[in-house]
Every structure is written in structure tokens, then in C-alpha cells.
Amino acid sequence: MLEKELEAKFREGVKAAGGRAYKFVSPGNSGVPDRLVVLPKGHIGFVELKQRGKKPTKLQERQHNILRSLGCYTAVLDRPENIGKVLDEIREAGVGDAI
């Protein structure tokens, strides 16, 4: 499965969960994850999408580690059957103060 096909399935899964999957681009910060996911009740996480079996680059790993060190949920997703698992992990990772 191509990365763009996985990304489309992921966006559909996030939408079905009542959330948003924003394309994350941060000028001057190469290697940040592809998607910033916001789920109901303040659950937020970062997701890097890859073709099956592909690994993040060293730069991506560094950015993921920075986000994790700040307490952010960060995952690499390379197969559609793990979409539900990633969404569950985002829900379990912590909750912001919802207004």
C-alpha cells in the first residue's frame, strides 16, 4: 500500500472517531510527523505515516524523540490494520484540559 493510500485510510479513521488529522508542516523543522491528530476531549498525538516496513529517517527519529520528551504521544504507522490501535493509544496517552 502506498503511503498516500494509508494516509487517506488514516484520515477516514480519525474522522470516524470524531477527530481531525491535520497535515503538520513546520517550516524550519524538517522531520516532524506527517499528521497532528486531535480527538474529542482534548486527546492529541503526532503520527508519522510510512509504507509497510519503511522506517523513519534519523532526522524524523530525532524529531519524534523531542516530541516524546515533551510528553507528546508520537507514533509511526505503516499498516492500515493498526489505525484503531494508534487512535486508542492517543486516547490513552493523556488528556488536555477540555473547556
C-alpha atoms as a PDB file:
ATOM      1  CA  MET A   1       0.000   0.000   0.000  1.00  0.00           C
ATOM      2  CA  LEU A   2       1.325   3.423  -0.927  1.00  0.00           C
ATOM      3  CA  GLU A   3       1.829   5.989   1.814  1.00  0.00           C
ATOM      4  CA  LYS A   4      -0.826   8.266   0.302  1.00  0.00           C
ATOM      5  CA  GLU A   5      -3.348   5.392   0.398  1.00  0.00           C
ATOM      6  CA  LEU A   6      -2.539   4.711   4.051  1.00  0.00           C
ATOM      7  CA  GLU A   7      -2.841   8.422   4.766  1.00  0.00           C
ATOM      8  CA  ALA A   8      -6.330   8.503   3.205  1.00  0.00           C
ATOM      9  CA  LYS A   9      -7.436   5.497   5.299  1.00  0.00           C
ATOM     10  CA  PHE A  10      -5.950   7.100   8.404  1.00  0.00           C
ATOM     11  CA  ARG A  11      -7.809  10.376   7.802  1.00  0.00           C
ATOM     12  CA  GLU A  12     -11.042   8.384   7.368  1.00  0.00           C
ATOM     13  CA  GLY A  13     -10.390   6.542  10.648  1.00  0.00           C
ATOM     14  CA  VAL A  14      -9.739   9.763  12.528  1.00  0.00           C
ATOM     15  CA  LYS A  15     -12.871  11.345  11.056  1.00  0.00           C
ATOM     16  CA  ALA A  16     -14.938   8.284  12.039  1.00  0.00           C
ATOM     17  CA  ALA A  17     -13.570   8.692  15.588  1.00  0.00           C
ATOM     18  CA  GLY A  18     -14.892  12.266  15.620  1.00  0.00           C
ATOM     19  CA  GLY A  19     -11.476  13.865  15.253  1.00  0.00           C
ATOM     20  CA  ARG A  20      -9.282  15.800  12.879  1.00  0.00           C
ATOM     21  CA  ALA A  21      -5.972  14.806  11.269  1.00  0.00           C
ATOM     22  CA  TYR A  22      -4.183  17.994  10.314  1.00  0.00           C
ATOM     23  CA  LYS A  23      -1.301  17.867   7.863  1.00  0.00           C
ATOM     24  CA  PHE A  24       1.581  19.016  10.032  1.00  0.00           C
ATOM     25  CA  VAL A  25       4.197  21.223   8.378  1.00  0.00           C
ATOM     26  CA  SER A  26       6.613  23.238  10.487  1.00  0.00           C
ATOM     27  CA  PRO A  27       8.924  25.478   8.452  1.00  0.00           C
ATOM     28  CA  GLY A  28      12.498  25.238   9.669  1.00  0.00           C
ATOM     29  CA  ASN A  29      11.775  21.948  11.472  1.00  0.00           C
ATOM     30  CA  SER A  30      12.311  19.191   8.939  1.00  0.00           C
ATOM     31  CA  GLY A  31      11.391  15.677  10.010  1.00  0.00           C
ATOM     32  CA  VAL A  32       8.274  16.475  12.036  1.00  0.00           C
ATOM     33  CA  PRO A  33       5.490  13.834  11.889  1.00  0.00           C
ATOM     34  CA  ASP A  34       3.026  13.925   8.977  1.00  0.00           C
ATOM     35  CA  ARG A  35      -0.165  14.387  10.974  1.00  0.00           C
ATOM     36  CA  LEU A  36      -1.261  16.222  14.097  1.00  0.00           C
ATOM     37  CA  VAL A  37      -4.281  14.294  15.367  1.00  0.00           C
ATOM     38  CA  VAL A  38      -6.912  15.916  17.572  1.00  0.00           C
ATOM     39  CA  LEU A  39      -9.594  13.637  19.032  1.00  0.00           C
ATOM     40  CA  PRO A  40     -12.595  14.552  21.188  1.00  0.00           C
ATOM     41  CA  LYS A  41     -11.992  15.535  24.820  1.00  0.00           C
ATOM     42  CA  GLY A  42      -8.551  17.000  24.173  1.00  0.00           C
ATOM     43  CA  HIS A  43      -6.663  13.886  23.096  1.00  0.00           C
ATOM     44  CA  ILE A  44      -3.765  14.912  20.847  1.00  0.00           C
ATOM     45  CA  GLY A  45      -0.969  12.987  19.140  1.00  0.00           C
ATOM     46  CA  PHE A  46       1.503  13.065  16.274  1.00  0.00           C
ATOM     47  CA  VAL A  47       1.585  10.329  13.629  1.00  0.00           C
ATOM     48  CA  GLU A  48       4.223   9.595  11.002  1.00  0.00           C
ATOM     49  CA  LEU A  49       2.867   7.543   8.077  1.00  0.00           C
ATOM     50  CA  LYS A  50       5.144   5.164   6.180  1.00  0.00           C
ATOM     51  CA  GLN A  51       4.856   2.439   3.567  1.00  0.00           C
ATOM     52  CA  ARG A  52       4.769  -1.020   5.135  1.00  0.00           C
ATOM     53  CA  GLY A  53       8.150  -1.918   6.553  1.00  0.00           C
ATOM     54  CA  LYS A  54       9.685   1.523   5.962  1.00  0.00           C
ATOM     55  CA  LYS A  55      11.392   3.183   8.917  1.00  0.00           C
ATOM     56  CA  PRO A  56      11.656   6.866   9.866  1.00  0.00           C
ATOM     57  CA  THR A  57      14.819   8.687   8.861  1.00  0.00           C
ATOM     58  CA  LYS A  58      17.351   9.691  11.525  1.00  0.00           C
ATOM     59  CA  LEU A  59      16.026  13.253  11.355  1.00  0.00           C
ATOM     60  CA  GLN A  60      12.444  12.042  11.820  1.00  0.00           C
ATOM     61  CA  GLU A  61      13.511   9.863  14.757  1.00  0.00           C
ATOM     62  CA  ARG A  62      15.185  12.881  16.348  1.00  0.00           C
ATOM     63  CA  GLN A  63      12.025  14.998  15.966  1.00  0.00           C
ATOM     64  CA  HIS A  64       9.868  12.155  17.341  1.00  0.00           C
ATOM     65  CA  ASN A  65      12.167  11.841  20.357  1.00  0.00           C
ATOM     66  CA  ILE A  66      11.944  15.585  21.019  1.00  0.00           C
ATOM     67  CA  LEU A  67       8.144  15.424  20.962  1.00  0.00           C
ATOM     68  CA  ARG A  68       8.130  12.350  23.227  1.00  0.00           C
ATOM     69  CA  SER A  69      10.499  14.067  25.680  1.00  0.00           C
ATOM     70  CA  LEU A  70       7.938  16.870  25.904  1.00  0.00           C
ATOM     71  CA  GLY A  71       5.253  14.321  26.837  1.00  0.00           C
ATOM     72  CA  CYS A  72       3.585  14.099  23.416  1.00  0.00           C
ATOM     73  CA  TYR A  73       2.224  10.852  22.020  1.00  0.00           C
ATOM     74  CA  THR A  74       4.124  10.114  18.788  1.00  0.00           C
ATOM     75  CA  ALA A  75       3.703   7.020  16.602  1.00  0.00           C
ATOM     76  CA  VAL A  76       4.831   5.589  13.296  1.00  0.00           C
ATOM     77  CA  LEU A  77       2.025   3.907  11.341  1.00  0.00           C
ATOM     78  CA  ASP A  78       2.860   1.618   8.416  1.00  0.00           C
ATOM     79  CA  ARG A  79      -0.207  -0.615   8.072  1.00  0.00           C
ATOM     80  CA  PRO A  80      -3.931   0.127   7.996  1.00  0.00           C
ATOM     81  CA  GLU A  81      -4.836  -2.635  10.446  1.00  0.00           C
ATOM     82  CA  ASN A  82      -3.063  -0.608  13.177  1.00  0.00           C
ATOM     83  CA  ILE A  83      -5.119   2.571  12.729  1.00  0.00           C
ATOM     84  CA  GLY A  84      -7.529   1.665  15.538  1.00  0.00           C
ATOM     85  CA  LYS A  85      -4.632   0.801  17.844  1.00  0.00           C
ATOM     86  CA  VAL A  86      -2.957   4.168  17.229  1.00  0.00           C
ATOM     87  CA  LEU A  87      -6.218   6.028  17.866  1.00  0.00           C
ATOM     88  CA  ASP A  88      -6.742   4.072  21.103  1.00  0.00           C
ATOM     89  CA  GLU A  89      -3.193   4.913  22.195  1.00  0.00           C
ATOM     90  CA  ILE A  90      -3.815   8.622  21.529  1.00  0.00           C
ATOM     91  CA  ARG A  91      -6.943   8.436  23.693  1.00  0.00           C
ATOM     92  CA  GLU A  92      -5.000   6.720  26.481  1.00  0.00           C
ATOM     93  CA  ALA A  93      -1.889   8.926  26.295  1.00  0.00           C
ATOM     94  CA  GLY A  94      -3.330  11.824  28.275  1.00  0.00           C
ATOM     95  CA  VAL A  95      -5.978  14.457  28.167  1.00  0.00           C
ATOM     96  CA  GLY A  96      -5.690  18.192  27.912  1.00  0.00           C
ATOM     97  CA  ASP A  97      -7.987  20.386  29.960  1.00  0.00           C
ATOM     98  CA  ALA A  98     -11.089  20.460  27.769  1.00  0.00           C
ATOM     99  CA  ILE A  99     -13.251  23.548  28.171  1.00  0.00           C
END
